[in-house]
Amino acid sequence: MDKDELKQHKEQFISLLKSTSIPDVDLIIEDLDHMGFFTSPASMKNHLCYEGGLMIHSLNVYEAAIKIRDAFKTVRPDVFDKISDESIIVAALLHDLCKAGLYFRKKGAQYEFGQAEYGSDYGRLPIGHGEKSVVMLLRLGLDLRDDEICAIRWHMGAWSVASGDAEERGSFRKAQELYPLVTLIQLADTAAAQILERKYETINS
């Protein structure tokens, strides 16, 4: 992806964030820039593992969430009336904030030998995935709603529930029960990573 395309994606991302009522949103965007959010890959060797991949993945999650909502809203308006457009923007665009600056380019890594081009550095706050994004957002000063917190925390779905941890399993199920946004973002994240961002050579394999 060339620089012009990345610039367009960044402008779209910023425009969406600025459409919300987030206080001091310009400062938040500056913080994202300084953290390397707009240049980080989305993964080490899987979906969108290239510069800017994290930003593009976040936009894909947003687009998928909107399409899923629109597809089912006429069937269950009682469910989707509880989900605000702003919460979809916040949860979709910022669910993977913990990946900003997480990956670094490894020297000499070669795809043909099955090596990941990127390595990872979990820094000084190795507390998990979704929960780390929530903590980072709160530290940036975002006043997240309860449904946004839960949607970001549990966007990996059952994959983020520790095996054998009944309390954590109960928390995940309760979050799904209370907030439809949790399931919407989970579905959108999966659709983005496994369908929209799937490598072409893996289709039908």
N, C-alpha and C. Protein backbone atom coordinates (compact mmCIF):
# COMPACT_ATOMS: atom_id res chain seq x y z
N MET A 1 0.85 -1.20 0.00
CA MET A 1 0.00 0.00 0.00
C MET A 1 0.88 1.25 0.00
N ASP A 2 0.60 2.18 -0.91
CA ASP A 2 1.47 3.35 -1.02
C ASP A 2 1.08 4.43 -0.02
N LYS A 3 1.91 5.45 0.05
CA LYS A 3 1.73 6.50 1.06
C LYS A 3 0.43 7.29 0.85
N ASP A 4 0.05 7.48 -0.40
CA ASP A 4 -1.19 8.22 -0.67
C ASP A 4 -2.41 7.47 -0.14
N GLU A 5 -2.42 6.16 -0.32
CA GLU A 5 -3.53 5.35 0.19
C GLU A 5 -3.57 5.38 1.72
N LEU A 6 -2.40 5.27 2.34
CA LEU A 6 -2.34 5.33 3.80
C LEU A 6 -2.82 6.68 4.30
N LYS A 7 -2.47 7.73 3.59
CA LYS A 7 -2.90 9.07 3.97
C LYS A 7 -4.42 9.19 3.91
N GLN A 8 -5.02 8.62 2.88
CA GLN A 8 -6.48 8.65 2.74
C GLN A 8 -7.16 7.89 3.88
N HIS A 9 -6.60 6.74 4.23
CA HIS A 9 -7.16 5.96 5.33
C HIS A 9 -7.04 6.72 6.65
N LYS A 10 -5.91 7.38 6.84
CA LYS A 10 -5.72 8.15 8.06
C LYS A 10 -6.72 9.29 8.14
N GLU A 11 -6.95 9.96 7.03
CA GLU A 11 -7.92 11.06 6.99
C GLU A 11 -9.32 10.55 7.31
N GLN A 12 -9.66 9.37 6.80
CA GLN A 12 -10.98 8.79 7.09
C GLN A 12 -11.10 8.46 8.57
N PHE A 13 -10.06 7.86 9.13
CA PHE A 13 -10.05 7.51 10.54
C PHE A 13 -10.24 8.75 11.41
N ILE A 14 -9.47 9.79 11.12
CA ILE A 14 -9.54 11.02 11.90
C ILE A 14 -10.91 11.67 11.76
N SER A 15 -11.45 11.66 10.55
CA SER A 15 -12.78 12.25 10.32
C SER A 15 -13.85 11.54 11.15
N LEU A 16 -13.77 10.22 11.22
CA LEU A 16 -14.74 9.46 12.02
C LEU A 16 -14.61 9.80 13.50
N LEU A 17 -13.38 9.84 14.00
CA LEU A 17 -13.19 10.18 15.42
C LEU A 17 -13.69 11.58 15.73
N LYS A 18 -13.44 12.51 14.81
CA LYS A 18 -13.87 13.89 15.03
C LYS A 18 -15.39 14.05 14.94
N SER A 19 -16.06 13.07 14.38
CA SER A 19 -17.52 13.13 14.30
C SER A 19 -18.19 12.77 15.63
N THR A 20 -17.39 12.30 16.58
CA THR A 20 -17.92 11.93 17.90
C THR A 20 -17.87 13.13 18.84
N SER A 21 -18.39 12.92 20.04
CA SER A 21 -18.38 13.98 21.04
C SER A 21 -17.22 13.83 22.02
N ILE A 22 -16.20 13.09 21.64
CA ILE A 22 -15.04 12.90 22.52
C ILE A 22 -14.40 14.25 22.82
N PRO A 23 -14.28 14.61 24.10
CA PRO A 23 -13.64 15.89 24.45
C PRO A 23 -12.16 15.88 24.04
N ASP A 24 -11.68 17.03 23.60
CA ASP A 24 -10.26 17.17 23.23
C ASP A 24 -9.82 16.09 22.24
N VAL A 25 -10.67 15.81 21.26
CA VAL A 25 -10.38 14.73 20.33
C VAL A 25 -9.09 14.98 19.55
N ASP A 26 -8.76 16.25 19.29
CA ASP A 26 -7.51 16.55 18.58
C ASP A 26 -6.30 16.09 19.37
N LEU A 27 -6.37 16.23 20.69
CA LEU A 27 -5.27 15.77 21.55
C LEU A 27 -5.18 14.25 21.54
N ILE A 28 -6.33 13.59 21.52
CA ILE A 28 -6.35 12.12 21.45
C ILE A 28 -5.70 11.65 20.15
N ILE A 29 -6.01 12.32 19.06
CA ILE A 29 -5.44 11.96 17.76
C ILE A 29 -3.93 12.17 17.77
N GLU A 30 -3.48 13.25 18.39
CA GLU A 30 -2.03 13.49 18.53
C GLU A 30 -1.39 12.37 19.32
N ASP A 31 -2.04 11.93 20.39
CA ASP A 31 -1.51 10.84 21.20
C ASP A 31 -1.41 9.55 20.38
N LEU A 32 -2.43 9.27 19.59
CA LEU A 32 -2.41 8.08 18.75
C LEU A 32 -1.23 8.14 17.78
N ASP A 33 -1.00 9.32 17.23
CA ASP A 33 0.12 9.51 16.30
C ASP A 33 1.45 9.24 17.00
N HIS A 34 1.62 9.80 18.19
CA HIS A 34 2.87 9.63 18.93
C HIS A 34 3.09 8.18 19.34
N MET A 35 2.01 7.45 19.57
CA MET A 35 2.11 6.05 19.97
C MET A 35 2.41 5.13 18.80
N GLY A 36 2.36 5.67 17.59
CA GLY A 36 2.61 4.85 16.40
C GLY A 36 1.40 4.10 15.90
N PHE A 37 0.21 4.51 16.33
CA PHE A 37 -1.00 3.79 15.93
C PHE A 37 -1.18 3.75 14.42
N PHE A 38 -0.94 4.86 13.76
CA PHE A 38 -1.23 4.96 12.33
C PHE A 38 -0.20 4.26 11.44
N THR A 39 0.91 3.85 12.01
CA THR A 39 1.95 3.18 11.22
C THR A 39 2.17 1.73 11.65
N SER A 40 1.53 1.29 12.71
CA SER A 40 1.74 -0.07 13.21
C SER A 40 1.04 -1.10 12.33
N PRO A 41 1.62 -2.31 12.23
CA PRO A 41 0.92 -3.40 11.53
C PRO A 41 -0.19 -3.95 12.41
N ALA A 42 -1.09 -4.72 11.81
CA ALA A 42 -2.19 -5.31 12.58
C ALA A 42 -1.79 -6.62 13.23
N SER A 43 -0.73 -7.25 12.72
CA SER A 43 -0.28 -8.52 13.29
C SER A 43 1.18 -8.74 12.91
N MET A 44 1.77 -9.82 13.47
CA MET A 44 3.16 -10.12 13.17
C MET A 44 3.32 -10.77 11.80
N LYS A 45 2.42 -11.71 11.46
CA LYS A 45 2.57 -12.41 10.18
C LYS A 45 1.25 -12.85 9.57
N ASN A 46 0.14 -12.41 10.13
CA ASN A 46 -1.15 -12.83 9.61
C ASN A 46 -1.84 -11.67 8.88
N HIS A 47 -2.96 -11.21 9.39
CA HIS A 47 -3.71 -10.19 8.65
C HIS A 47 -3.05 -8.82 8.73
N LEU A 48 -2.95 -8.18 7.56
CA LEU A 48 -2.44 -6.81 7.42
C LEU A 48 -1.13 -6.58 8.19
N CYS A 49 -0.18 -7.47 7.98
CA CYS A 49 1.11 -7.33 8.68
C CYS A 49 2.04 -6.43 7.86
N TYR A 50 1.65 -5.17 7.77
CA TYR A 50 2.46 -4.17 7.09
C TYR A 50 2.17 -2.80 7.70
N GLU A 51 3.00 -1.83 7.38
CA GLU A 51 2.86 -0.49 7.95
C GLU A 51 1.46 0.08 7.66
N GLY A 52 0.80 0.52 8.72
CA GLY A 52 -0.54 1.07 8.57
C GLY A 52 -1.64 0.03 8.68
N GLY A 53 -1.26 -1.24 8.82
CA GLY A 53 -2.24 -2.32 8.87
C GLY A 53 -3.21 -2.21 10.04
N LEU A 54 -2.73 -1.75 11.18
CA LEU A 54 -3.60 -1.62 12.36
C LEU A 54 -4.70 -0.60 12.11
N MET A 55 -4.34 0.52 11.54
CA MET A 55 -5.33 1.56 11.23
C MET A 55 -6.37 1.03 10.23
N ILE A 56 -5.90 0.34 9.19
CA ILE A 56 -6.80 -0.18 8.17
C ILE A 56 -7.71 -1.25 8.75
N HIS A 57 -7.15 -2.13 9.59
CA HIS A 57 -7.97 -3.15 10.25
C HIS A 57 -9.07 -2.49 11.09
N SER A 58 -8.73 -1.45 11.81
CA SER A 58 -9.70 -0.76 12.65
C SER A 58 -10.83 -0.17 11.81
N LEU A 59 -10.48 0.39 10.67
CA LEU A 59 -11.50 0.91 9.75
C LEU A 59 -12.36 -0.22 9.18
N ASN A 60 -11.73 -1.35 8.89
CA ASN A 60 -12.48 -2.50 8.38
C ASN A 60 -13.48 -3.02 9.42
N VAL A 61 -13.06 -3.01 10.68
CA VAL A 61 -13.97 -3.44 11.75
C VAL A 61 -15.16 -2.49 11.83
N TYR A 62 -14.89 -1.20 11.69
CA TYR A 62 -15.99 -0.23 11.69
C TYR A 62 -16.95 -0.48 10.53
N GLU A 63 -16.40 -0.65 9.33
CA GLU A 63 -17.24 -0.87 8.15
C GLU A 63 -18.06 -2.16 8.30
N ALA A 64 -17.42 -3.21 8.82
CA ALA A 64 -18.13 -4.47 9.01
C ALA A 64 -19.24 -4.33 10.04
N ALA A 65 -18.96 -3.58 11.11
CA ALA A 65 -19.97 -3.38 12.16
C ALA A 65 -21.19 -2.65 11.61
N ILE A 66 -20.95 -1.64 10.78
CA ILE A 66 -22.06 -0.89 10.19
C ILE A 66 -22.89 -1.79 9.27
N LYS A 67 -22.22 -2.62 8.47
CA LYS A 67 -22.94 -3.50 7.55
C LYS A 67 -23.75 -4.55 8.32
N ILE A 68 -23.17 -5.10 9.38
CA ILE A 68 -23.89 -6.09 10.19
C ILE A 68 -25.10 -5.43 10.85
N ARG A 69 -24.90 -4.25 11.40
CA ARG A 69 -26.02 -3.53 12.03
C ARG A 69 -27.13 -3.27 11.02
N ASP A 70 -26.77 -2.76 9.87
CA ASP A 70 -27.77 -2.42 8.86
C ASP A 70 -28.52 -3.66 8.36
N ALA A 71 -27.81 -4.80 8.31
CA ALA A 71 -28.42 -6.03 7.82
C ALA A 71 -29.47 -6.58 8.78
N PHE A 72 -29.26 -6.37 10.07
CA PHE A 72 -30.15 -6.97 11.07
C PHE A 72 -31.06 -5.98 11.79
N LYS A 73 -30.84 -4.71 11.58
CA LYS A 73 -31.61 -3.71 12.32
C LYS A 73 -33.10 -3.79 12.02
N THR A 74 -33.47 -4.09 10.79
CA THR A 74 -34.89 -4.17 10.46
C THR A 74 -35.55 -5.38 11.11
N VAL A 75 -34.75 -6.41 11.39
CA VAL A 75 -35.28 -7.62 12.02
C VAL A 75 -35.41 -7.45 13.53
N ARG A 76 -34.38 -6.82 14.15
CA ARG A 76 -34.38 -6.62 15.59
C ARG A 76 -34.06 -5.17 15.95
N PRO A 77 -34.97 -4.26 15.62
CA PRO A 77 -34.72 -2.85 15.95
C PRO A 77 -34.60 -2.62 17.45
N ASP A 78 -35.25 -3.47 18.25
CA ASP A 78 -35.18 -3.33 19.70
C ASP A 78 -33.76 -3.53 20.22
N VAL A 79 -32.98 -4.36 19.51
CA VAL A 79 -31.59 -4.61 19.90
C VAL A 79 -30.70 -3.47 19.42
N PHE A 80 -30.82 -3.14 18.16
CA PHE A 80 -29.88 -2.18 17.58
C PHE A 80 -30.19 -0.73 17.93
N ASP A 81 -31.40 -0.47 18.40
CA ASP A 81 -31.69 0.88 18.88
C ASP A 81 -30.89 1.21 20.14
N LYS A 82 -30.35 0.19 20.79
CA LYS A 82 -29.57 0.39 22.01
C LYS A 82 -28.10 0.70 21.70
N ILE A 83 -27.73 0.60 20.43
CA ILE A 83 -26.33 0.82 20.05
C ILE A 83 -26.21 2.14 19.31
N SER A 84 -25.46 3.08 19.85
CA SER A 84 -25.31 4.38 19.20
C SER A 84 -24.23 4.33 18.13
N ASP A 85 -24.37 5.17 17.12
CA ASP A 85 -23.35 5.28 16.08
C ASP A 85 -22.00 5.64 16.68
N GLU A 86 -22.02 6.53 17.67
CA GLU A 86 -20.77 6.96 18.29
C GLU A 86 -20.06 5.81 18.98
N SER A 87 -20.81 4.96 19.66
CA SER A 87 -20.19 3.83 20.35
C SER A 87 -19.59 2.84 19.37
N ILE A 88 -20.22 2.68 18.21
CA ILE A 88 -19.64 1.81 17.18
C ILE A 88 -18.31 2.39 16.71
N ILE A 89 -18.27 3.69 16.48
CA ILE A 89 -17.03 4.34 16.05
C ILE A 89 -15.93 4.15 17.08
N VAL A 90 -16.24 4.46 18.33
CA VAL A 90 -15.24 4.38 19.40
C VAL A 90 -14.72 2.96 19.58
N ALA A 91 -15.64 2.01 19.71
CA ALA A 91 -15.23 0.63 19.97
C ALA A 91 -14.52 0.00 18.78
N ALA A 92 -15.01 0.26 17.58
CA ALA A 92 -14.40 -0.34 16.39
C ALA A 92 -13.02 0.25 16.09
N LEU A 93 -12.92 1.56 16.13
CA LEU A 93 -11.65 2.20 15.76
C LEU A 93 -10.56 2.03 16.80
N LEU A 94 -10.94 1.85 18.06
CA LEU A 94 -9.95 1.87 19.14
C LEU A 94 -9.81 0.54 19.88
N HIS A 95 -10.48 -0.51 19.40
CA HIS A 95 -10.46 -1.79 20.12
C HIS A 95 -9.07 -2.40 20.22
N ASP A 96 -8.22 -2.14 19.25
CA ASP A 96 -6.87 -2.72 19.22
C ASP A 96 -5.78 -1.71 19.55
N LEU A 97 -6.10 -0.71 20.32
CA LEU A 97 -5.09 0.31 20.65
C LEU A 97 -3.85 -0.31 21.26
N CYS A 98 -4.01 -1.41 21.97
CA CYS A 98 -2.87 -2.06 22.63
C CYS A 98 -1.80 -2.50 21.64
N LYS A 99 -2.14 -2.59 20.35
CA LYS A 99 -1.16 -2.99 19.34
C LYS A 99 -0.31 -1.83 18.83
N ALA A 100 -0.65 -0.61 19.21
CA ALA A 100 0.13 0.55 18.77
C ALA A 100 1.54 0.45 19.34
N GLY A 101 2.52 0.36 18.47
CA GLY A 101 3.90 0.25 18.91
C GLY A 101 4.28 -1.11 19.45
N LEU A 102 3.37 -2.09 19.36
CA LEU A 102 3.65 -3.42 19.91
C LEU A 102 4.65 -4.19 19.06
N TYR A 103 4.55 -4.05 17.75
CA TYR A 103 5.38 -4.84 16.85
C TYR A 103 6.57 -4.04 16.33
N PHE A 104 7.69 -4.74 16.16
CA PHE A 104 8.87 -4.10 15.58
C PHE A 104 9.39 -4.98 14.44
N ARG A 105 9.96 -4.33 13.45
CA ARG A 105 10.45 -5.06 12.27
C ARG A 105 11.74 -5.80 12.62
N LYS A 106 11.75 -7.09 12.37
CA LYS A 106 12.92 -7.92 12.66
C LYS A 106 13.92 -7.85 11.50
N LYS A 107 15.18 -7.89 11.84
CA LYS A 107 16.21 -7.84 10.81
C LYS A 107 16.36 -9.22 10.16
N GLY A 108 16.37 -9.22 8.85
CA GLY A 108 16.66 -10.45 8.11
C GLY A 108 15.54 -11.47 8.05
N ALA A 109 14.35 -11.14 8.57
CA ALA A 109 13.25 -12.11 8.51
C ALA A 109 12.79 -12.28 7.07
N GLN A 110 12.56 -13.51 6.68
CA GLN A 110 12.18 -13.80 5.30
C GLN A 110 10.89 -14.61 5.28
N TYR A 111 9.93 -14.15 4.51
CA TYR A 111 8.66 -14.86 4.44
C TYR A 111 8.84 -16.30 3.91
N GLU A 112 9.78 -16.48 2.96
CA GLU A 112 9.91 -17.80 2.35
C GLU A 112 10.39 -18.85 3.34
N PHE A 113 10.97 -18.44 4.45
CA PHE A 113 11.40 -19.39 5.47
C PHE A 113 10.39 -19.50 6.61
N GLY A 114 9.21 -18.91 6.40
CA GLY A 114 8.16 -19.03 7.40
C GLY A 114 8.36 -18.16 8.62
N GLN A 115 9.25 -17.20 8.53
CA GLN A 115 9.50 -16.33 9.67
C GLN A 115 8.56 -15.13 9.65
N ALA A 116 8.23 -14.64 10.81
CA ALA A 116 7.45 -13.41 10.89
C ALA A 116 8.37 -12.23 10.62
N GLU A 117 7.88 -11.27 9.84
CA GLU A 117 8.69 -10.08 9.57
C GLU A 117 8.79 -9.22 10.81
N TYR A 118 7.79 -9.33 11.70
CA TYR A 118 7.74 -8.51 12.90
C TYR A 118 7.89 -9.36 14.16
N GLY A 119 8.52 -8.76 15.17
CA GLY A 119 8.52 -9.33 16.51
C GLY A 119 7.62 -8.48 17.38
N SER A 120 7.50 -8.84 18.65
CA SER A 120 6.61 -8.07 19.53
C SER A 120 7.30 -7.72 20.83
N ASP A 121 6.92 -6.58 21.38
CA ASP A 121 7.44 -6.12 22.66
C ASP A 121 6.25 -5.63 23.48
N TYR A 122 5.91 -6.38 24.53
CA TYR A 122 4.72 -6.06 25.32
C TYR A 122 4.93 -4.93 26.31
N GLY A 123 6.13 -4.36 26.32
CA GLY A 123 6.38 -3.17 27.12
C GLY A 123 6.26 -3.41 28.62
N ARG A 124 5.87 -2.37 29.33
CA ARG A 124 5.83 -2.42 30.79
C ARG A 124 4.41 -2.61 31.33
N LEU A 125 3.49 -2.96 30.44
CA LEU A 125 2.11 -3.19 30.90
C LEU A 125 1.55 -4.45 30.23
N PRO A 126 2.12 -5.62 30.55
CA PRO A 126 1.67 -6.87 29.93
C PRO A 126 0.45 -7.44 30.64
N ILE A 127 -0.71 -6.87 30.37
CA ILE A 127 -1.92 -7.27 31.10
C ILE A 127 -2.97 -7.91 30.20
N GLY A 128 -2.59 -8.30 29.00
CA GLY A 128 -3.57 -8.90 28.11
C GLY A 128 -3.83 -8.03 26.89
N HIS A 129 -4.93 -8.31 26.24
CA HIS A 129 -5.22 -7.67 24.94
C HIS A 129 -6.33 -6.63 25.06
N GLY A 130 -7.57 -7.07 25.11
CA GLY A 130 -8.68 -6.12 25.19
C GLY A 130 -8.62 -5.25 26.42
N GLU A 131 -8.26 -5.87 27.55
CA GLU A 131 -8.19 -5.10 28.79
C GLU A 131 -7.10 -4.04 28.74
N LYS A 132 -6.02 -4.33 28.03
CA LYS A 132 -4.95 -3.33 27.91
C LYS A 132 -5.41 -2.15 27.08
N SER A 133 -6.16 -2.41 26.01
CA SER A 133 -6.70 -1.31 25.21
C SER A 133 -7.59 -0.41 26.04
N VAL A 134 -8.43 -1.03 26.89
CA VAL A 134 -9.31 -0.24 27.76
C VAL A 134 -8.50 0.64 28.70
N VAL A 135 -7.50 0.07 29.35
CA VAL A 135 -6.67 0.83 30.29
C VAL A 135 -5.97 1.98 29.57
N MET A 136 -5.43 1.71 28.40
CA MET A 136 -4.73 2.76 27.65
C MET A 136 -5.67 3.89 27.26
N LEU A 137 -6.89 3.55 26.87
CA LEU A 137 -7.86 4.59 26.49
C LEU A 137 -8.26 5.43 27.69
N LEU A 138 -8.46 4.79 28.82
CA LEU A 138 -8.81 5.53 30.03
C LEU A 138 -7.66 6.45 30.44
N ARG A 139 -6.44 5.97 30.28
CA ARG A 139 -5.28 6.81 30.60
C ARG A 139 -5.16 8.00 29.66
N LEU A 140 -5.64 7.83 28.44
CA LEU A 140 -5.63 8.96 27.49
C LEU A 140 -6.69 9.99 27.83
N GLY A 141 -7.59 9.62 28.73
CA GLY A 141 -8.62 10.57 29.17
C GLY A 141 -9.98 10.36 28.56
N LEU A 142 -10.18 9.25 27.83
CA LEU A 142 -11.49 9.00 27.25
C LEU A 142 -12.48 8.57 28.33
N ASP A 143 -13.65 9.16 28.30
CA ASP A 143 -14.71 8.81 29.25
C ASP A 143 -15.59 7.76 28.58
N LEU A 144 -15.11 6.52 28.58
CA LEU A 144 -15.81 5.45 27.88
C LEU A 144 -17.10 5.05 28.57
N ARG A 145 -18.12 4.75 27.77
CA ARG A 145 -19.37 4.21 28.29
C ARG A 145 -19.14 2.74 28.69
N ASP A 146 -20.02 2.22 29.52
CA ASP A 146 -19.88 0.84 29.96
C ASP A 146 -19.92 -0.14 28.79
N ASP A 147 -20.81 0.11 27.82
CA ASP A 147 -20.89 -0.82 26.69
C ASP A 147 -19.63 -0.75 25.82
N GLU A 148 -19.02 0.43 25.72
CA GLU A 148 -17.78 0.57 24.96
C GLU A 148 -16.64 -0.16 25.65
N ILE A 149 -16.58 -0.03 26.97
CA ILE A 149 -15.54 -0.74 27.73
C ILE A 149 -15.67 -2.24 27.53
N CYS A 150 -16.88 -2.75 27.66
CA CYS A 150 -17.09 -4.20 27.53
C CYS A 150 -16.84 -4.68 26.11
N ALA A 151 -17.25 -3.89 25.12
CA ALA A 151 -17.03 -4.28 23.72
C ALA A 151 -15.55 -4.35 23.39
N ILE A 152 -14.78 -3.41 23.88
CA ILE A 152 -13.33 -3.41 23.64
C ILE A 152 -12.67 -4.53 24.43
N ARG A 153 -13.05 -4.67 25.69
CA ARG A 153 -12.47 -5.73 26.53
C ARG A 153 -12.70 -7.12 25.94
N TRP A 154 -13.90 -7.37 25.42
CA TRP A 154 -14.26 -8.72 24.99
C TRP A 154 -14.34 -8.87 23.47
N HIS A 155 -13.64 -8.00 22.72
CA HIS A 155 -13.79 -8.07 21.26
C HIS A 155 -13.24 -9.35 20.66
N MET A 156 -12.40 -10.07 21.40
CA MET A 156 -11.88 -11.35 20.93
C MET A 156 -12.84 -12.50 21.23
N GLY A 157 -13.95 -12.19 21.89
CA GLY A 157 -14.93 -13.22 22.19
C GLY A 157 -14.40 -14.26 23.17
N ALA A 158 -14.80 -15.51 22.97
CA ALA A 158 -14.40 -16.58 23.88
C ALA A 158 -12.90 -16.82 23.87
N TRP A 159 -12.21 -16.38 22.80
CA TRP A 159 -10.75 -16.55 22.75
C TRP A 159 -10.06 -15.80 23.87
N SER A 160 -10.70 -14.77 24.40
CA SER A 160 -10.06 -13.98 25.46
C SER A 160 -10.49 -14.44 26.85
N VAL A 161 -11.25 -15.53 26.92
CA VAL A 161 -11.67 -16.08 28.21
C VAL A 161 -10.70 -17.18 28.61
N ALA A 162 -10.07 -17.03 29.77
CA ALA A 162 -9.11 -18.01 30.24
C ALA A 162 -9.79 -19.36 30.47
N SER A 163 -9.19 -20.41 29.95
CA SER A 163 -9.74 -21.75 30.11
C SER A 163 -9.83 -22.12 31.59
N GLY A 164 -11.00 -22.56 32.00
CA GLY A 164 -11.18 -22.99 33.38
C GLY A 164 -11.49 -21.87 34.35
N ASP A 165 -11.55 -20.63 33.87
CA ASP A 165 -11.85 -19.50 34.75
C ASP A 165 -13.35 -19.22 34.69
N ALA A 166 -14.08 -19.78 35.64
CA ALA A 166 -15.54 -19.65 35.65
C ALA A 166 -15.98 -18.20 35.83
N GLU A 167 -15.25 -17.45 36.66
CA GLU A 167 -15.62 -16.06 36.90
C GLU A 167 -15.47 -15.23 35.63
N GLU A 168 -14.38 -15.44 34.91
CA GLU A 168 -14.16 -14.70 33.67
C GLU A 168 -15.19 -15.09 32.62
N ARG A 169 -15.51 -16.37 32.56
CA ARG A 169 -16.52 -16.84 31.61
C ARG A 169 -17.88 -16.21 31.92
N GLY A 170 -18.18 -16.12 33.21
CA GLY A 170 -19.44 -15.49 33.61
C GLY A 170 -19.47 -14.01 33.26
N SER A 171 -18.34 -13.33 33.41
CA SER A 171 -18.26 -11.90 33.08
C SER A 171 -18.48 -11.68 31.59
N PHE A 172 -17.89 -12.54 30.77
CA PHE A 172 -18.04 -12.43 29.32
C PHE A 172 -19.50 -12.62 28.91
N ARG A 173 -20.13 -13.64 29.47
CA ARG A 173 -21.53 -13.91 29.13
C ARG A 173 -22.44 -12.77 29.58
N LYS A 174 -22.15 -12.22 30.76
CA LYS A 174 -22.97 -11.11 31.26
C LYS A 174 -22.80 -9.89 30.38
N ALA A 175 -21.57 -9.64 29.93
CA ALA A 175 -21.32 -8.50 29.05
C ALA A 175 -22.11 -8.64 27.75
N GLN A 176 -22.14 -9.85 27.20
CA GLN A 176 -22.92 -10.09 25.98
C GLN A 176 -24.41 -9.87 26.22
N GLU A 177 -24.87 -10.31 27.39
CA GLU A 177 -26.28 -10.18 27.73
C GLU A 177 -26.69 -8.72 27.90
N LEU A 178 -25.82 -7.94 28.55
CA LEU A 178 -26.14 -6.55 28.84
C LEU A 178 -26.02 -5.64 27.63
N TYR A 179 -24.99 -5.88 26.82
CA TYR A 179 -24.63 -4.91 25.79
C TYR A 179 -24.50 -5.57 24.41
N PRO A 180 -25.46 -5.36 23.52
CA PRO A 180 -25.37 -5.90 22.16
C PRO A 180 -24.11 -5.44 21.41
N LEU A 181 -23.57 -4.29 21.81
CA LEU A 181 -22.35 -3.78 21.17
C LEU A 181 -21.20 -4.78 21.29
N VAL A 182 -21.18 -5.55 22.37
CA VAL A 182 -20.12 -6.54 22.58
C VAL A 182 -20.11 -7.56 21.44
N THR A 183 -21.27 -8.12 21.16
CA THR A 183 -21.37 -9.12 20.09
C THR A 183 -21.16 -8.49 18.72
N LEU A 184 -21.65 -7.28 18.52
CA LEU A 184 -21.48 -6.61 17.23
C LEU A 184 -20.01 -6.40 16.91
N ILE A 185 -19.24 -5.89 17.86
CA ILE A 185 -17.81 -5.64 17.62
C ILE A 185 -17.06 -6.95 17.47
N GLN A 186 -17.43 -7.96 18.25
CA GLN A 186 -16.80 -9.27 18.14
C GLN A 186 -17.00 -9.85 16.74
N LEU A 187 -18.23 -9.80 16.24
CA LEU A 187 -18.52 -10.30 14.90
C LEU A 187 -17.79 -9.50 13.83
N ALA A 188 -17.78 -8.18 13.99
CA ALA A 188 -17.14 -7.31 13.01
C ALA A 188 -15.63 -7.53 12.97
N ASP A 189 -15.03 -7.74 14.13
CA ASP A 189 -13.59 -7.98 14.20
C ASP A 189 -13.24 -9.29 13.49
N THR A 190 -14.04 -10.32 13.73
CA THR A 190 -13.81 -11.61 13.08
C THR A 190 -14.00 -11.50 11.57
N ALA A 191 -15.06 -10.82 11.16
CA ALA A 191 -15.33 -10.66 9.72
C ALA A 191 -14.20 -9.89 9.04
N ALA A 192 -13.71 -8.86 9.71
CA ALA A 192 -12.62 -8.07 9.13
C ALA A 192 -11.35 -8.89 8.97
N ALA A 193 -10.94 -9.56 10.05
CA ALA A 193 -9.67 -10.29 10.04
C ALA A 193 -9.72 -11.55 9.18
N GLN A 194 -10.85 -12.26 9.22
CA GLN A 194 -10.92 -13.57 8.57
C GLN A 194 -11.54 -13.56 7.18
N ILE A 195 -12.23 -12.47 6.82
CA ILE A 195 -12.84 -12.40 5.49
C ILE A 195 -12.28 -11.23 4.69
N LEU A 196 -12.48 -10.00 5.16
CA LEU A 196 -12.05 -8.83 4.41
C LEU A 196 -10.54 -8.80 4.22
N GLU A 197 -9.79 -9.26 5.22
CA GLU A 197 -8.33 -9.16 5.19
C GLU A 197 -7.65 -10.49 4.88
N ARG A 198 -8.44 -11.49 4.52
CA ARG A 198 -7.88 -12.81 4.21
C ARG A 198 -6.96 -12.71 2.99
N LYS A 199 -5.81 -13.38 3.08
CA LYS A 199 -4.89 -13.40 1.94
C LYS A 199 -5.52 -14.20 0.80
N TYR A 200 -5.42 -13.68 -0.39
CA TYR A 200 -6.10 -14.29 -1.54
C TYR A 200 -5.69 -15.73 -1.78
N GLU A 201 -4.42 -16.05 -1.50
CA GLU A 201 -3.96 -17.41 -1.79
C GLU A 201 -4.53 -18.44 -0.82
N THR A 202 -5.17 -17.98 0.27
CA THR A 202 -5.73 -18.93 1.24
C THR A 202 -7.20 -19.22 0.97
N ILE A 203 -7.81 -18.52 0.03
CA ILE A 203 -9.23 -18.74 -0.26
C ILE A 203 -9.43 -20.14 -0.84
N ASN A 204 -10.42 -20.85 -0.28
CA ASN A 204 -10.76 -22.22 -0.69
C ASN A 204 -9.64 -23.21 -0.41
N SER A 205 -8.70 -22.85 0.43
CA SER A 205 -7.61 -23.78 0.73
C SER A 205 -7.99 -24.65 1.90
